[in-house]
Amino acid sequence: MPEDIDIERRTARWRADGGADVTVYCLPHAGGGAATARALALAAPPGWDVVGIRLPGREQRLAEQPVCAMGELAADVAATVRSDPRRAPNVVLIGQCFGAALAVTVAGLLGDGAPVGLAGVVAASPPESTFLNGAAWVDAADTEFLTELDRLGGVPAAVLADEELLELVLPVLRSDVAALHSIAGTAPAVLDVPVVAVGGIGDPLHDERVLAEWVTYGRGGWSARADGGHFLLGDAPATLAAEIGALLRRHGN
């Protein structure tokens, strides 16, 4: 693996042994970290290796500069996946809101590089990118920025309530929103694998039209609903695991 790729620093795992049949790489919501994958890891069946991806500027990568361009950020994640020595023969990407846009972008890179057995992509919740075209608040003062992002469901309540944590998270929140803004008004290339879009019934942004649009970015995908809000990796891990299982069966695994 390339010398600059430290898999232990870039990923979090809850499966102690190797030999999994499928690796599920989880990409967090804006400002989020690898721990957002833990609930899905606990809900996953035997044979799955659920991996939380750590992005630049947070957690063990705190010393790195946050990335503000979606293409550069996707290349970083794709390099992590390609360099993972424990990657299983079958790979699924799952992204939560901001992470959904990132997952689809990463999938396009993985399908055009070193062989990776990509089985499909799961987009959990409508991503904020749907609402960012021309957004004047991307560079707004902190109060306005957080108010607008909170309106879109993009900040967990626990983060908003903790001033010290919010101060730490704010730079990566801004970088993630900037990354989304960098692709506003564009659509990813159609993937050769399914895209499954899942929306939370309790999500104020839940919109069947948005979910249907995500499905068109892949081949043979579908949309589904889950009992939960905007943050489905924590709210509905069993439903997401079921949809990933259906995707794998559809993929012939």
C-alpha atoms as a PDB file:
ATOM      1  CA  MET A   1       0.000   0.000   0.000  1.00  0.00           C
ATOM      2  CA  PRO A   2       1.230   3.589  -0.554  1.00  0.00           C
ATOM      3  CA  GLU A   3       3.426   4.794   2.316  1.00  0.00           C
ATOM      4  CA  ASP A   4       1.183   7.777   3.041  1.00  0.00           C
ATOM      5  CA  ILE A   5      -1.936   5.646   3.539  1.00  0.00           C
ATOM      6  CA  ASP A   6      -2.277   4.726   7.210  1.00  0.00           C
ATOM      7  CA  ILE A   7      -5.364   2.503   7.278  1.00  0.00           C
ATOM      8  CA  GLU A   8      -5.534   2.407  11.085  1.00  0.00           C
ATOM      9  CA  ARG A   9      -5.649   6.201  11.178  1.00  0.00           C
ATOM     10  CA  ARG A  10      -8.152   6.510   8.321  1.00  0.00           C
ATOM     11  CA  THR A  11     -10.665   3.857   9.416  1.00  0.00           C
ATOM     12  CA  ALA A  12     -12.552   2.522  12.439  1.00  0.00           C
ATOM     13  CA  ARG A  13     -13.576  -1.155  12.664  1.00  0.00           C
ATOM     14  CA  TRP A  14     -15.681  -3.185  15.055  1.00  0.00           C
ATOM     15  CA  ARG A  15     -14.909  -6.616  13.594  1.00  0.00           C
ATOM     16  CA  ALA A  16     -11.745  -8.042  15.175  1.00  0.00           C
ATOM     17  CA  ASP A  17     -10.949 -10.723  12.625  1.00  0.00           C
ATOM     18  CA  GLY A  18     -10.478 -10.704   8.856  1.00  0.00           C
ATOM     19  CA  GLY A  19     -12.110 -12.945   6.313  1.00  0.00           C
ATOM     20  CA  ALA A  20     -15.349 -11.001   5.811  1.00  0.00           C
ATOM     21  CA  ASP A  21     -17.463 -11.593   2.703  1.00  0.00           C
ATOM     22  CA  VAL A  22     -18.372  -7.922   2.311  1.00  0.00           C
ATOM     23  CA  THR A  23     -16.883  -4.645   3.469  1.00  0.00           C
ATOM     24  CA  VAL A  24     -19.326  -1.795   4.065  1.00  0.00           C
ATOM     25  CA  TYR A  25     -17.568   1.576   4.065  1.00  0.00           C
ATOM     26  CA  CYS A  26     -19.604   4.256   5.867  1.00  0.00           C
ATOM     27  CA  LEU A  27     -19.235   7.947   4.990  1.00  0.00           C
ATOM     28  CA  PRO A  28     -20.569  10.347   7.647  1.00  0.00           C
ATOM     29  CA  HIS A  29     -22.885  13.336   7.606  1.00  0.00           C
ATOM     30  CA  ALA A  30     -21.379  16.830   7.377  1.00  0.00           C
ATOM     31  CA  GLY A  31     -18.948  17.333  10.246  1.00  0.00           C
ATOM     32  CA  GLY A  32     -19.328  13.709  11.339  1.00  0.00           C
ATOM     33  CA  GLY A  33     -16.767  11.061  12.128  1.00  0.00           C
ATOM     34  CA  ALA A  34     -16.199   7.349  11.835  1.00  0.00           C
ATOM     35  CA  ALA A  35     -18.178   6.572  14.991  1.00  0.00           C
ATOM     36  CA  THR A  36     -21.418   7.204  13.084  1.00  0.00           C
ATOM     37  CA  ALA A  37     -20.940   3.700  11.622  1.00  0.00           C
ATOM     38  CA  ARG A  38     -20.982   1.916  14.987  1.00  0.00           C
ATOM     39  CA  ALA A  39     -24.746   1.295  15.153  1.00  0.00           C
ATOM     40  CA  LEU A  40     -24.717  -0.307  11.699  1.00  0.00           C
ATOM     41  CA  ALA A  41     -21.730  -2.438  12.692  1.00  0.00           C
ATOM     42  CA  LEU A  42     -23.705  -3.778  15.663  1.00  0.00           C
ATOM     43  CA  ALA A  43     -26.733  -4.492  13.439  1.00  0.00           C
ATOM     44  CA  ALA A  44     -24.713  -6.163  10.680  1.00  0.00           C
ATOM     45  CA  PRO A  45     -24.934  -9.937  10.150  1.00  0.00           C
ATOM     46  CA  PRO A  46     -21.922 -12.270  10.344  1.00  0.00           C
ATOM     47  CA  GLY A  47     -19.630 -11.958   7.353  1.00  0.00           C
ATOM     48  CA  TRP A  48     -19.862  -8.169   7.132  1.00  0.00           C
ATOM     49  CA  ASP A  49     -16.981  -5.852   8.002  1.00  0.00           C
ATOM     50  CA  VAL A  50     -18.490  -2.413   8.662  1.00  0.00           C
ATOM     51  CA  VAL A  51     -15.853   0.303   8.425  1.00  0.00           C
ATOM     52  CA  GLY A  52     -16.195   3.941   9.460  1.00  0.00           C
ATOM     53  CA  ILE A  53     -14.185   6.277   7.239  1.00  0.00           C
ATOM     54  CA  ARG A  54     -12.249   9.102   8.890  1.00  0.00           C
ATOM     55  CA  LEU A  55     -12.036  12.185   6.698  1.00  0.00           C
ATOM     56  CA  PRO A  56      -9.252  14.810   6.807  1.00  0.00           C
ATOM     57  CA  GLY A  57      -9.436  17.343   9.633  1.00  0.00           C
ATOM     58  CA  ARG A  58     -11.210  15.220  12.248  1.00  0.00           C
ATOM     59  CA  GLU A  59     -10.548  12.489  14.810  1.00  0.00           C
ATOM     60  CA  GLN A  60      -7.183  10.756  14.215  1.00  0.00           C
ATOM     61  CA  ARG A  61      -6.706  13.002  11.160  1.00  0.00           C
ATOM     62  CA  LEU A  62      -7.253  16.220  13.095  1.00  0.00           C
ATOM     63  CA  ALA A  63      -3.821  17.580  12.173  1.00  0.00           C
ATOM     64  CA  GLU A  64      -4.682  17.435   8.463  1.00  0.00           C
ATOM     65  CA  GLN A  65      -6.365  20.312   6.665  1.00  0.00           C
ATOM     66  CA  PRO A  66     -10.085  19.778   5.955  1.00  0.00           C
ATOM     67  CA  VAL A  67     -10.844  19.350   2.244  1.00  0.00           C
ATOM     68  CA  CYS A  68     -13.259  21.780   0.577  1.00  0.00           C
ATOM     69  CA  ALA A  69     -13.514  20.193  -2.900  1.00  0.00           C
ATOM     70  CA  MET A  70     -15.644  17.103  -3.444  1.00  0.00           C
ATOM     71  CA  GLY A  71     -13.355  15.639  -6.100  1.00  0.00           C
ATOM     72  CA  GLU A  72     -10.288  15.863  -3.854  1.00  0.00           C
ATOM     73  CA  LEU A  73     -12.187  14.445  -0.879  1.00  0.00           C
ATOM     74  CA  ALA A  74     -13.539  11.551  -2.967  1.00  0.00           C
ATOM     75  CA  ALA A  75     -10.019  10.778  -4.198  1.00  0.00           C
ATOM     76  CA  ASP A  76      -8.863  10.606  -0.577  1.00  0.00           C
ATOM     77  CA  VAL A  77     -11.599   8.102   0.305  1.00  0.00           C
ATOM     78  CA  ALA A  78     -11.042   6.048  -2.856  1.00  0.00           C
ATOM     79  CA  ALA A  79      -7.343   5.775  -1.962  1.00  0.00           C
ATOM     80  CA  THR A  80      -8.301   4.515   1.490  1.00  0.00           C
ATOM     81  CA  VAL A  81     -10.600   1.845   0.054  1.00  0.00           C
ATOM     82  CA  ARG A  82      -8.097   0.700  -2.567  1.00  0.00           C
ATOM     83  CA  SER A  83      -5.298   0.488   0.030  1.00  0.00           C
ATOM     84  CA  ASP A  84      -7.282  -1.413   2.667  1.00  0.00           C
ATOM     85  CA  PRO A  85      -5.574  -4.821   3.110  1.00  0.00           C
ATOM     86  CA  ARG A  86      -8.709  -6.205   4.794  1.00  0.00           C
ATOM     87  CA  ARG A  87     -11.081  -5.173   2.004  1.00  0.00           C
ATOM     88  CA  ALA A  88     -13.458  -8.046   1.213  1.00  0.00           C
ATOM     89  CA  PRO A  89     -14.238  -9.266  -2.328  1.00  0.00           C
ATOM     90  CA  ASN A  90     -17.532  -7.346  -2.225  1.00  0.00           C
ATOM     91  CA  VAL A  91     -17.700  -3.659  -1.329  1.00  0.00           C
ATOM     92  CA  VAL A  92     -20.689  -1.471  -0.482  1.00  0.00           C
ATOM     93  CA  LEU A  93     -20.504   2.273   0.118  1.00  0.00           C
ATOM     94  CA  ILE A  94     -23.079   3.919   2.358  1.00  0.00           C
ATOM     95  CA  GLY A  95     -23.306   7.658   2.860  1.00  0.00           C
ATOM     96  CA  GLN A  96     -25.430   9.696   5.233  1.00  0.00           C
ATOM     97  CA  CYS A  97     -26.689  13.044   3.839  1.00  0.00           C
ATOM     98  CA  PHE A  98     -23.417  14.838   2.895  1.00  0.00           C
ATOM     99  CA  GLY A  99     -21.859  11.369   2.852  1.00  0.00           C
ATOM    100  CA  ALA A 100     -24.384  10.240   0.231  1.00  0.00           C
ATOM    101  CA  ALA A 101     -23.020  12.748  -2.283  1.00  0.00           C
ATOM    102  CA  LEU A 102     -19.491  11.713  -1.329  1.00  0.00           C
ATOM    103  CA  ALA A 103     -20.311   7.990  -1.654  1.00  0.00           C
ATOM    104  CA  VAL A 104     -21.651   8.352  -5.190  1.00  0.00           C
ATOM    105  CA  THR A 105     -18.600  10.404  -6.180  1.00  0.00           C
ATOM    106  CA  VAL A 106     -16.228   7.828  -4.641  1.00  0.00           C
ATOM    107  CA  ALA A 107     -18.066   5.008  -6.414  1.00  0.00           C
ATOM    108  CA  GLY A 108     -17.385   6.684  -9.752  1.00  0.00           C
ATOM    109  CA  LEU A 109     -13.665   6.748  -8.976  1.00  0.00           C
ATOM    110  CA  LEU A 110     -13.559   3.144  -7.788  1.00  0.00           C
ATOM    111  CA  GLY A 111     -15.266   1.990 -10.951  1.00  0.00           C
ATOM    112  CA  ASP A 112     -12.597   3.624 -13.057  1.00  0.00           C
ATOM    113  CA  GLY A 113      -9.398   2.550 -11.288  1.00  0.00           C
ATOM    114  CA  ALA A 114      -7.815  -0.394  -9.499  1.00  0.00           C
ATOM    115  CA  PRO A 115     -10.128  -3.419  -9.326  1.00  0.00           C
ATOM    116  CA  VAL A 116     -12.580  -3.098  -6.454  1.00  0.00           C
ATOM    117  CA  GLY A 117     -15.583  -5.410  -6.191  1.00  0.00           C
ATOM    118  CA  LEU A 118     -18.107  -2.600  -5.815  1.00  0.00           C
ATOM    119  CA  ALA A 119     -21.554  -4.074  -5.280  1.00  0.00           C
ATOM    120  CA  GLY A 120     -23.452  -0.820  -4.907  1.00  0.00           C
ATOM    121  CA  VAL A 121     -24.094   2.417  -3.039  1.00  0.00           C
ATOM    122  CA  VAL A 122     -26.647   3.202  -0.337  1.00  0.00           C
ATOM    123  CA  ALA A 123     -27.632   6.866   0.088  1.00  0.00           C
ATOM    124  CA  ALA A 124     -29.189   7.380   3.526  1.00  0.00           C
ATOM    125  CA  SER A 125     -31.419  10.467   3.653  1.00  0.00           C
ATOM    126  CA  PRO A 126     -31.613  13.270   1.104  1.00  0.00           C
ATOM    127  CA  PRO A 127     -28.185  14.972   1.014  1.00  0.00           C
ATOM    128  CA  GLU A 128     -27.853  18.706   1.708  1.00  0.00           C
ATOM    129  CA  SER A 129     -26.368  19.092  -1.779  1.00  0.00           C
ATOM    130  CA  THR A 130     -29.942  19.032  -3.069  1.00  0.00           C
ATOM    131  CA  PHE A 131     -30.508  22.387  -1.361  1.00  0.00           C
ATOM    132  CA  LEU A 132     -27.160  24.110  -1.949  1.00  0.00           C
ATOM    133  CA  ASN A 133     -27.507  25.582  -5.428  1.00  0.00           C
ATOM    134  CA  GLY A 134     -26.569  29.239  -5.080  1.00  0.00           C
ATOM    135  CA  ALA A 135     -26.687  29.077  -1.276  1.00  0.00           C
ATOM    136  CA  ALA A 136     -25.544  32.501  -0.038  1.00  0.00           C
ATOM    137  CA  TRP A 137     -24.973  31.174   3.481  1.00  0.00           C
ATOM    138  CA  VAL A 138     -22.026  28.910   2.608  1.00  0.00           C
ATOM    139  CA  ASP A 139     -19.620  31.705   3.627  1.00  0.00           C
ATOM    140  CA  ALA A 140     -21.936  33.323   6.174  1.00  0.00           C
ATOM    141  CA  ALA A 141     -21.074  34.220   9.764  1.00  0.00           C
ATOM    142  CA  ASP A 142     -21.129  31.318  12.200  1.00  0.00           C
ATOM    143  CA  THR A 143     -24.591  32.023  13.634  1.00  0.00           C
ATOM    144  CA  GLU A 144     -26.282  32.291  10.232  1.00  0.00           C
ATOM    145  CA  PHE A 145     -24.339  29.327   8.891  1.00  0.00           C
ATOM    146  CA  LEU A 146     -25.379  27.065  11.782  1.00  0.00           C
ATOM    147  CA  THR A 147     -28.979  28.282  11.722  1.00  0.00           C
ATOM    148  CA  GLU A 148     -29.351  27.423   8.040  1.00  0.00           C
ATOM    149  CA  LEU A 149     -27.558  24.090   8.367  1.00  0.00           C
ATOM    150  CA  ASP A 150     -29.723  23.205  11.370  1.00  0.00           C
ATOM    151  CA  ARG A 151     -32.835  24.053   9.324  1.00  0.00           C
ATOM    152  CA  LEU A 152     -31.673  21.504   6.775  1.00  0.00           C
ATOM    153  CA  GLY A 153     -31.167  18.892   9.488  1.00  0.00           C
ATOM    154  CA  GLY A 154     -27.410  18.891   8.973  1.00  0.00           C
ATOM    155  CA  VAL A 155     -26.235  19.196  12.598  1.00  0.00           C
ATOM    156  CA  PRO A 156     -27.071  16.677  15.349  1.00  0.00           C
ATOM    157  CA  ALA A 157     -28.744  18.310  18.356  1.00  0.00           C
ATOM    158  CA  ALA A 158     -26.010  17.027  20.682  1.00  0.00           C
ATOM    159  CA  VAL A 159     -23.398  18.980  18.704  1.00  0.00           C
ATOM    160  CA  LEU A 160     -25.413  22.217  18.712  1.00  0.00           C
ATOM    161  CA  ALA A 161     -25.850  21.931  22.490  1.00  0.00           C
ATOM    162  CA  ASP A 162     -22.116  21.589  23.230  1.00  0.00           C
ATOM    163  CA  GLU A 163     -20.257  24.871  22.623  1.00  0.00           C
ATOM    164  CA  GLU A 164     -16.771  23.352  22.949  1.00  0.00           C
ATOM    165  CA  LEU A 165     -17.607  20.484  20.586  1.00  0.00           C
ATOM    166  CA  LEU A 166     -19.273  22.872  18.152  1.00  0.00           C
ATOM    167  CA  GLU A 167     -16.147  25.055  18.043  1.00  0.00           C
ATOM    168  CA  LEU A 168     -14.090  21.968  17.208  1.00  0.00           C
ATOM    169  CA  VAL A 169     -16.523  20.711  14.565  1.00  0.00           C
ATOM    170  CA  LEU A 170     -17.295  24.027  12.871  1.00  0.00           C
ATOM    171  CA  PRO A 171     -14.240  24.053  10.543  1.00  0.00           C
ATOM    172  CA  VAL A 172     -15.061  20.598   9.159  1.00  0.00           C
ATOM    173  CA  LEU A 173     -18.748  21.483   8.886  1.00  0.00           C
ATOM    174  CA  ARG A 174     -17.763  24.438   6.738  1.00  0.00           C
ATOM    175  CA  SER A 175     -15.380  22.345   4.647  1.00  0.00           C
ATOM    176  CA  ASP A 176     -18.018  19.653   4.052  1.00  0.00           C
ATOM    177  CA  VAL A 177     -20.628  22.222   3.033  1.00  0.00           C
ATOM    178  CA  ALA A 178     -18.055  23.855   0.755  1.00  0.00           C
ATOM    179  CA  ALA A 179     -17.368  20.434  -0.795  1.00  0.00           C
ATOM    180  CA  LEU A 180     -21.081  20.019  -1.463  1.00  0.00           C
ATOM    181  CA  HIS A 181     -21.240  23.523  -2.894  1.00  0.00           C
ATOM    182  CA  SER A 182     -18.348  22.641  -5.225  1.00  0.00           C
ATOM    183  CA  ILE A 183     -20.630  20.188  -7.058  1.00  0.00           C
ATOM    184  CA  ALA A 184     -23.901  22.121  -6.777  1.00  0.00           C
ATOM    185  CA  GLY A 185     -25.818  21.987 -10.024  1.00  0.00           C
ATOM    186  CA  THR A 186     -23.907  18.990 -11.351  1.00  0.00           C
ATOM    187  CA  ALA A 187     -24.847  15.329 -11.521  1.00  0.00           C
ATOM    188  CA  PRO A 188     -22.461  12.388 -11.161  1.00  0.00           C
ATOM    189  CA  ALA A 189     -21.949   9.976 -14.023  1.00  0.00           C
ATOM    190  CA  VAL A 190     -24.269   6.969 -14.025  1.00  0.00           C
ATOM    191  CA  LEU A 191     -22.659   4.068 -12.166  1.00  0.00           C
ATOM    192  CA  ASP A 192     -22.639   0.461 -13.343  1.00  0.00           C
ATOM    193  CA  VAL A 193     -23.852  -0.650  -9.901  1.00  0.00           C
ATOM    194  CA  PRO A 194     -27.143  -0.002  -8.072  1.00  0.00           C
ATOM    195  CA  VAL A 195     -27.766   3.094  -5.981  1.00  0.00           C
ATOM    196  CA  VAL A 196     -30.277   2.463  -3.184  1.00  0.00           C
ATOM    197  CA  ALA A 197     -31.764   5.604  -1.617  1.00  0.00           C
ATOM    198  CA  VAL A 198     -33.299   5.421   1.858  1.00  0.00           C
ATOM    199  CA  GLY A 199     -35.254   8.280   3.424  1.00  0.00           C
ATOM    200  CA  GLY A 200     -36.328   8.662   7.035  1.00  0.00           C
ATOM    201  CA  ILE A 201     -40.088   8.983   7.508  1.00  0.00           C
ATOM    202  CA  GLY A 202     -39.448  11.520  10.273  1.00  0.00           C
ATOM    203  CA  ASP A 203     -36.951  13.523   8.234  1.00  0.00           C
ATOM    204  CA  PRO A 204     -38.377  16.984   7.398  1.00  0.00           C
ATOM    205  CA  LEU A 205     -36.361  16.822   4.182  1.00  0.00           C
ATOM    206  CA  HIS A 206     -37.716  13.425   3.152  1.00  0.00           C
ATOM    207  CA  ASP A 207     -38.810  13.763  -0.442  1.00  0.00           C
ATOM    208  CA  GLU A 208     -39.629  10.846  -2.732  1.00  0.00           C
ATOM    209  CA  ARG A 209     -38.520  12.871  -5.765  1.00  0.00           C
ATOM    210  CA  VAL A 210     -35.047  13.361  -4.306  1.00  0.00           C
ATOM    211  CA  LEU A 211     -34.750   9.667  -3.514  1.00  0.00           C
ATOM    212  CA  ALA A 212     -35.863   8.772  -7.016  1.00  0.00           C
ATOM    213  CA  GLU A 213     -33.210  11.082  -8.459  1.00  0.00           C
ATOM    214  CA  TRP A 214     -30.468   9.329  -6.493  1.00  0.00           C
ATOM    215  CA  VAL A 215     -31.611   5.975  -7.862  1.00  0.00           C
ATOM    216  CA  THR A 216     -31.057   7.197 -11.420  1.00  0.00           C
ATOM    217  CA  TYR A 217     -27.328   7.582 -10.706  1.00  0.00           C
ATOM    218  CA  GLY A 218     -26.969   3.776 -10.703  1.00  0.00           C
ATOM    219  CA  ARG A 219     -28.358   0.744 -12.534  1.00  0.00           C
ATOM    220  CA  GLY A 220     -30.994  -1.497 -10.995  1.00  0.00           C
ATOM    221  CA  GLY A 221     -31.409   0.456  -7.754  1.00  0.00           C
ATOM    222  CA  TRP A 222     -34.485   1.387  -5.738  1.00  0.00           C
ATOM    223  CA  SER A 223     -35.717   3.659  -2.966  1.00  0.00           C
ATOM    224  CA  ALA A 224     -36.986   2.725   0.488  1.00  0.00           C
ATOM    225  CA  ARG A 225     -38.328   4.349   3.637  1.00  0.00           C
ATOM    226  CA  ALA A 226     -37.161   3.895   7.207  1.00  0.00           C
ATOM    227  CA  ASP A 227     -38.599   4.675  10.628  1.00  0.00           C
ATOM    228  CA  GLY A 228     -36.194   7.436  11.597  1.00  0.00           C
ATOM    229  CA  GLY A 229     -35.177  11.020  11.074  1.00  0.00           C
ATOM    230  CA  HIS A 230     -32.377  12.635   9.139  1.00  0.00           C
ATOM    231  CA  PHE A 231     -29.520  10.639  10.683  1.00  0.00           C
ATOM    232  CA  LEU A 232     -30.412   7.110   9.634  1.00  0.00           C
ATOM    233  CA  LEU A 233     -27.113   5.420  10.479  1.00  0.00           C
ATOM    234  CA  GLY A 234     -28.040   5.984  14.110  1.00  0.00           C
ATOM    235  CA  ASP A 235     -31.838   5.933  13.797  1.00  0.00           C
ATOM    236  CA  ALA A 236     -32.421   2.924  11.541  1.00  0.00           C
ATOM    237  CA  PRO A 237     -29.343   0.670  11.339  1.00  0.00           C
ATOM    238  CA  ALA A 238     -31.434  -2.519  11.056  1.00  0.00           C
ATOM    239  CA  THR A 239     -33.348  -1.109   8.073  1.00  0.00           C
ATOM    240  CA  LEU A 240     -30.124  -0.017   6.396  1.00  0.00           C
ATOM    241  CA  ALA A 241     -28.603  -3.453   7.002  1.00  0.00           C
ATOM    242  CA  ALA A 242     -31.679  -5.039   5.402  1.00  0.00           C
ATOM    243  CA  GLU A 243     -31.382  -2.784   2.329  1.00  0.00           C
ATOM    244  CA  ILE A 244     -27.669  -3.568   2.007  1.00  0.00           C
ATOM    245  CA  GLY A 245     -28.512  -7.273   2.250  1.00  0.00           C
ATOM    246  CA  ALA A 246     -31.094  -6.895  -0.520  1.00  0.00           C
ATOM    247  CA  LEU A 247     -28.547  -5.032  -2.638  1.00  0.00           C
ATOM    248  CA  LEU A 248     -26.014  -7.844  -2.184  1.00  0.00           C
ATOM    249  CA  ARG A 249     -28.585 -10.473  -3.122  1.00  0.00           C
ATOM    250  CA  ARG A 250     -29.540  -8.464  -6.214  1.00  0.00           C
ATOM    251  CA  HIS A 251     -25.851  -8.230  -7.034  1.00  0.00           C
ATOM    252  CA  GLY A 252     -25.615 -12.037  -6.913  1.00  0.00           C
ATOM    253  CA  ASN A 253     -23.864 -12.359  -3.551  1.00  0.00           C
END
